[in-house]
Structure formats: structure tokens, C-alpha cells
Amino acid sequence: MALVLSIALALGVVALATFALVIPRLGGGVPLTVLTNSMSPAAPPGTLIVVFPVDVDEIAVGDVITYQIRSGEPEVITHRVVGVASPDEDGPRFITQGDNNADPDPDPVRSVQVQGRVAYSIPYLGWVNNVVNGEHRGWIVGIGAGGLFAYALWNIIAGIAEARRSRRRRALESADEDGDVDFPK
């Protein structure tokens, strides 16, 4: 039973890692963490969202997009498109609003600010993403490596102990058949 649970847990971790890390990287997507309540209840704080680049002409009302607060700067916001304003020379402009906000965002989002459209989200995994990719990354790698070494050492010790028990068991069975007591050293 423990083996089945271990395998199920390992498969679950692999599946989460695939959806959270591998698929986004292969497809040019970016995993981000929701930090505020503006998109609650659909994406509360701590939700991992995966954003893929999109042609701005494909964005429609109802899509959730990630955009730069100010063009050229790294800070981003993820909100729902609630309207499309008249295009300017740079392309369409989008009226956005957080699902949990009463009013639309004050400024329309210009096409150059759009980073992509949210493809999917995984609740609570964003906090893990922040820890793994944040300033504590070195600690996580060290703890993970230490845990793997401890697990390997545990398996080695358990294997040696099982081998000794097995030899003793065979020796006792042999002694019962022969009437001799012959313990290995």
C-alpha cells in the first residue's frame, strides 16, 4: 500500500511540474504568481497562472491578459478584458478590470504593453513558484539535495540491514535442516 501511495504521489508531483514548468517553457509561456485579490475568486493570491504570448488581434472581451503597468518595465498586472477601445497607430487598446474590482482600470492597455493571455491556472502553486524562483532559491536547492542524499543513505542502510537479516534467516533455516548452527560474520 505504501508503494502505491508513493508512486501516486510521485506521479502527481511529475504532473504538476509538467503543467507548471515544462509545458510553459516548451511553448514560450511564463509561469507567474497572483499576488493580489483583484482576480478573486477565479484566481486568488497564490495562484500560479501560465501566460502564453498572443497576437493582440486575437484578444477578445472575456480573455484574461497579462500586461506591463508601464511599457518597457517588468511589473505586470493580470486582468480580464472588458472592452476594446478604438485602435490607435500601435493597434487595439484594451479596457481591463480585475474580477474582484468594482470599476475598470483607469487607463486602456496599449498593444505594446500586452505580454500574453492566461492559458490556465493552478491554485496555491504560485507560492511554491515564488519560493523556488525567488531569493530563497539557493536554500531550496540545498535542502532538496540534502533530502535526496539522506533518502539515498536511508536506502543504502536499509538494503544492508535487509541483506544481513536475509543471511541470518538462511543460516537459521540451514541450521534447522543440518542441526548445525552456522552464523555468517
Protein backbone atom coordinates (compact mmCIF):
# COMPACT_ATOMS: atom_id res chain seq x y z
CA MET A 1 0.00 0.00 0.00
CA ALA A 2 2.83 2.40 0.86
CA LEU A 3 4.44 1.69 -2.52
CA VAL A 4 1.20 2.53 -4.34
CA LEU A 5 0.85 5.79 -2.39
CA SER A 6 4.49 6.68 -3.10
CA ILE A 7 4.05 6.06 -6.80
CA ALA A 8 0.80 8.07 -6.87
CA LEU A 9 2.48 10.97 -5.05
CA ALA A 10 5.47 10.88 -7.39
CA LEU A 11 3.19 10.86 -10.46
CA GLY A 12 1.22 13.79 -9.02
CA VAL A 13 4.39 15.80 -8.48
CA VAL A 14 5.59 14.99 -12.01
CA ALA A 15 2.20 16.05 -13.45
CA LEU A 16 2.25 19.35 -11.52
CA ALA A 17 5.83 20.04 -12.57
CA THR A 18 4.91 19.29 -16.17
CA PHE A 19 1.95 21.70 -16.17
CA ALA A 20 3.72 24.35 -14.12
CA LEU A 21 7.23 24.30 -15.59
CA VAL A 22 7.78 22.09 -18.63
CA ILE A 23 4.78 22.97 -20.81
CA PRO A 24 5.18 26.73 -20.32
CA ARG A 25 8.90 26.62 -21.14
CA LEU A 26 8.40 24.49 -24.26
CA GLY A 27 5.58 26.68 -25.55
CA GLY A 28 7.20 30.03 -24.78
CA GLY A 29 4.93 30.63 -21.81
CA VAL A 30 5.74 32.23 -18.49
CA PRO A 31 4.55 31.00 -15.08
CA LEU A 32 3.56 33.89 -12.79
CA THR A 33 2.07 34.14 -9.32
CA VAL A 34 -1.07 36.12 -8.50
CA LEU A 35 -0.20 38.39 -5.56
CA THR A 36 -3.43 40.36 -5.00
CA ASN A 37 -7.16 39.74 -4.63
CA SER A 38 -8.09 41.60 -7.81
CA MET A 39 -8.86 38.39 -9.74
CA SER A 40 -10.61 36.52 -6.89
CA PRO A 41 -12.41 34.17 -6.71
CA ALA A 42 -11.17 32.71 -10.03
CA ALA A 43 -7.51 33.39 -9.21
CA PRO A 44 -6.94 34.24 -5.53
CA PRO A 45 -3.49 35.20 -4.22
CA GLY A 46 -1.04 32.32 -4.54
CA THR A 47 -2.49 31.01 -7.80
CA LEU A 48 0.05 30.06 -10.46
CA ILE A 49 -1.02 31.41 -13.84
CA VAL A 50 0.63 30.40 -17.08
CA VAL A 51 0.74 33.14 -19.69
CA PHE A 52 1.48 32.49 -23.37
CA PRO A 53 2.29 35.17 -25.96
CA VAL A 54 -0.68 36.07 -28.17
CA ASP A 55 -1.28 38.20 -31.23
CA VAL A 56 -3.18 41.25 -29.94
CA ASP A 57 -5.69 40.90 -32.80
CA GLU A 58 -6.78 37.56 -31.26
CA ILE A 59 -7.62 39.06 -27.84
CA ALA A 60 -11.35 39.32 -27.20
CA VAL A 61 -13.64 40.56 -24.46
CA GLY A 62 -13.58 38.00 -21.65
CA ASP A 63 -9.92 36.98 -22.15
CA VAL A 64 -7.59 37.35 -19.18
CA ILE A 65 -4.38 39.08 -20.22
CA THR A 66 -1.12 39.97 -18.53
CA TYR A 67 0.27 43.39 -19.37
CA GLN A 68 3.01 45.75 -18.28
CA ILE A 69 1.87 48.51 -15.95
CA ARG A 70 4.17 50.87 -17.84
CA SER A 71 5.56 49.93 -21.22
CA GLY A 72 9.11 48.62 -21.01
CA GLU A 73 9.07 47.99 -17.25
CA PRO A 74 8.95 44.50 -15.69
CA GLU A 75 5.95 44.97 -13.35
CA VAL A 76 2.80 43.34 -14.72
CA ILE A 77 -0.91 43.07 -13.98
CA THR A 78 -3.28 40.27 -14.95
CA HIS A 79 -6.88 41.38 -15.54
CA ARG A 80 -9.85 40.48 -17.72
CA VAL A 81 -10.57 42.36 -20.95
CA VAL A 82 -13.99 44.03 -20.55
CA GLY A 83 -13.84 46.14 -23.70
CA VAL A 84 -11.79 47.02 -26.74
CA ALA A 85 -11.23 50.72 -27.45
CA SER A 86 -10.64 52.26 -30.84
CA PRO A 87 -7.30 51.22 -32.25
CA ASP A 88 -4.54 53.78 -32.49
CA GLU A 89 -1.40 53.67 -34.63
CA ASP A 90 0.00 50.89 -32.37
CA GLY A 91 -3.08 48.66 -32.66
CA PRO A 92 -6.07 47.95 -30.45
CA ARG A 93 -6.32 49.20 -26.88
CA PHE A 94 -7.97 47.10 -24.18
CA ILE A 95 -10.19 48.11 -21.28
CA THR A 96 -9.38 45.77 -18.38
CA GLN A 97 -10.80 45.09 -14.96
CA GLY A 98 -9.99 42.72 -12.14
CA ASP A 99 -12.83 40.25 -11.46
CA ASN A 100 -12.93 41.44 -7.85
CA ASN A 101 -12.72 45.16 -8.70
CA ALA A 102 -15.80 47.40 -8.88
CA ASP A 103 -14.51 49.58 -11.73
CA PRO A 104 -12.43 49.10 -14.87
CA ASP A 105 -8.76 50.03 -14.75
CA PRO A 106 -8.27 53.79 -15.32
CA ASP A 107 -6.06 53.57 -18.41
CA PRO A 108 -6.60 51.44 -21.51
CA VAL A 109 -3.86 48.88 -22.16
CA ARG A 110 -1.87 49.59 -25.31
CA SER A 111 -0.94 46.69 -27.58
CA VAL A 112 2.78 47.09 -26.80
CA GLN A 113 2.08 46.51 -23.11
CA VAL A 114 0.42 43.11 -23.62
CA GLN A 115 2.65 40.22 -22.51
CA GLY A 116 0.19 37.43 -23.26
CA ARG A 117 -3.07 35.68 -22.47
CA VAL A 118 -3.59 33.40 -19.47
CA ALA A 119 -3.87 29.80 -20.69
CA TYR A 120 -4.53 28.10 -17.35
CA SER A 121 -4.05 28.46 -13.61
CA ILE A 122 -3.23 26.17 -10.69
CA PRO A 123 -4.42 27.31 -7.24
CA TYR A 124 -1.81 27.69 -4.45
CA LEU A 125 1.11 26.53 -6.62
CA GLY A 126 2.15 30.14 -7.14
CA TRP A 127 3.53 30.31 -3.62
CA VAL A 128 5.77 27.35 -4.43
CA ASN A 129 6.81 29.08 -7.66
CA ASN A 130 7.79 32.18 -5.68
CA VAL A 131 9.89 30.18 -3.23
CA VAL A 132 11.62 28.13 -5.92
CA ASN A 133 12.31 31.08 -8.22
CA GLY A 134 12.71 33.80 -5.59
CA GLU A 135 15.52 34.91 -3.36
CA HIS A 136 15.43 31.65 -1.35
CA ARG A 137 16.28 29.52 -4.39
CA GLY A 138 19.72 28.58 -3.01
CA TRP A 139 18.19 27.28 0.21
CA ILE A 140 15.64 25.21 -1.67
CA VAL A 141 18.30 23.61 -3.85
CA GLY A 142 20.42 22.84 -0.78
CA ILE A 143 17.50 21.39 1.17
CA GLY A 144 16.39 19.35 -1.86
CA ALA A 145 19.88 17.99 -2.46
CA GLY A 146 20.31 17.21 1.24
CA GLY A 147 16.95 15.43 1.27
CA LEU A 148 17.93 13.33 -1.74
CA PHE A 149 21.26 12.38 -0.14
CA ALA A 150 19.50 11.47 3.11
CA TYR A 151 16.99 9.35 1.17
CA ALA A 152 19.83 7.59 -0.69
CA LEU A 153 21.68 6.94 2.57
CA TRP A 154 18.48 5.59 4.15
CA ASN A 155 18.02 3.20 1.22
CA ILE A 156 21.62 2.01 1.43
CA ILE A 157 21.39 1.37 5.18
CA ALA A 158 18.00 -0.34 4.78
CA GLY A 159 19.44 -2.53 1.98
CA ILE A 160 22.42 -3.57 4.09
CA ALA A 161 20.18 -4.35 7.07
CA GLU A 162 17.82 -6.40 4.89
CA ALA A 163 20.75 -8.32 3.39
CA ARG A 164 22.02 -9.19 6.89
CA ARG A 165 18.56 -10.29 8.03
CA SER A 166 18.22 -12.42 4.91
CA ARG A 167 21.60 -14.10 5.50
CA ARG A 168 20.71 -14.80 9.13
CA ARG A 169 17.36 -16.23 8.10
CA ARG A 170 19.02 -18.52 5.54
CA ALA A 171 21.62 -19.56 8.11
CA LEU A 172 18.95 -20.40 10.68
CA GLU A 173 16.99 -22.38 8.08
CA SER A 174 20.17 -24.20 7.13
CA ALA A 175 20.96 -24.92 10.81
CA ASP A 176 17.49 -26.34 11.33
CA GLU A 177 18.00 -28.73 8.42
CA ASP A 178 21.57 -29.78 9.39
CA GLY A 179 21.34 -29.47 13.12
CA ASP A 180 24.39 -27.13 12.99
CA VAL A 181 24.46 -23.51 13.92
CA ASP A 182 26.45 -21.61 11.29
CA PHE A 183 26.07 -17.83 11.52
CA PRO A 184 27.76 -15.60 8.95
CA LYS A 185 30.14 -12.96 10.25
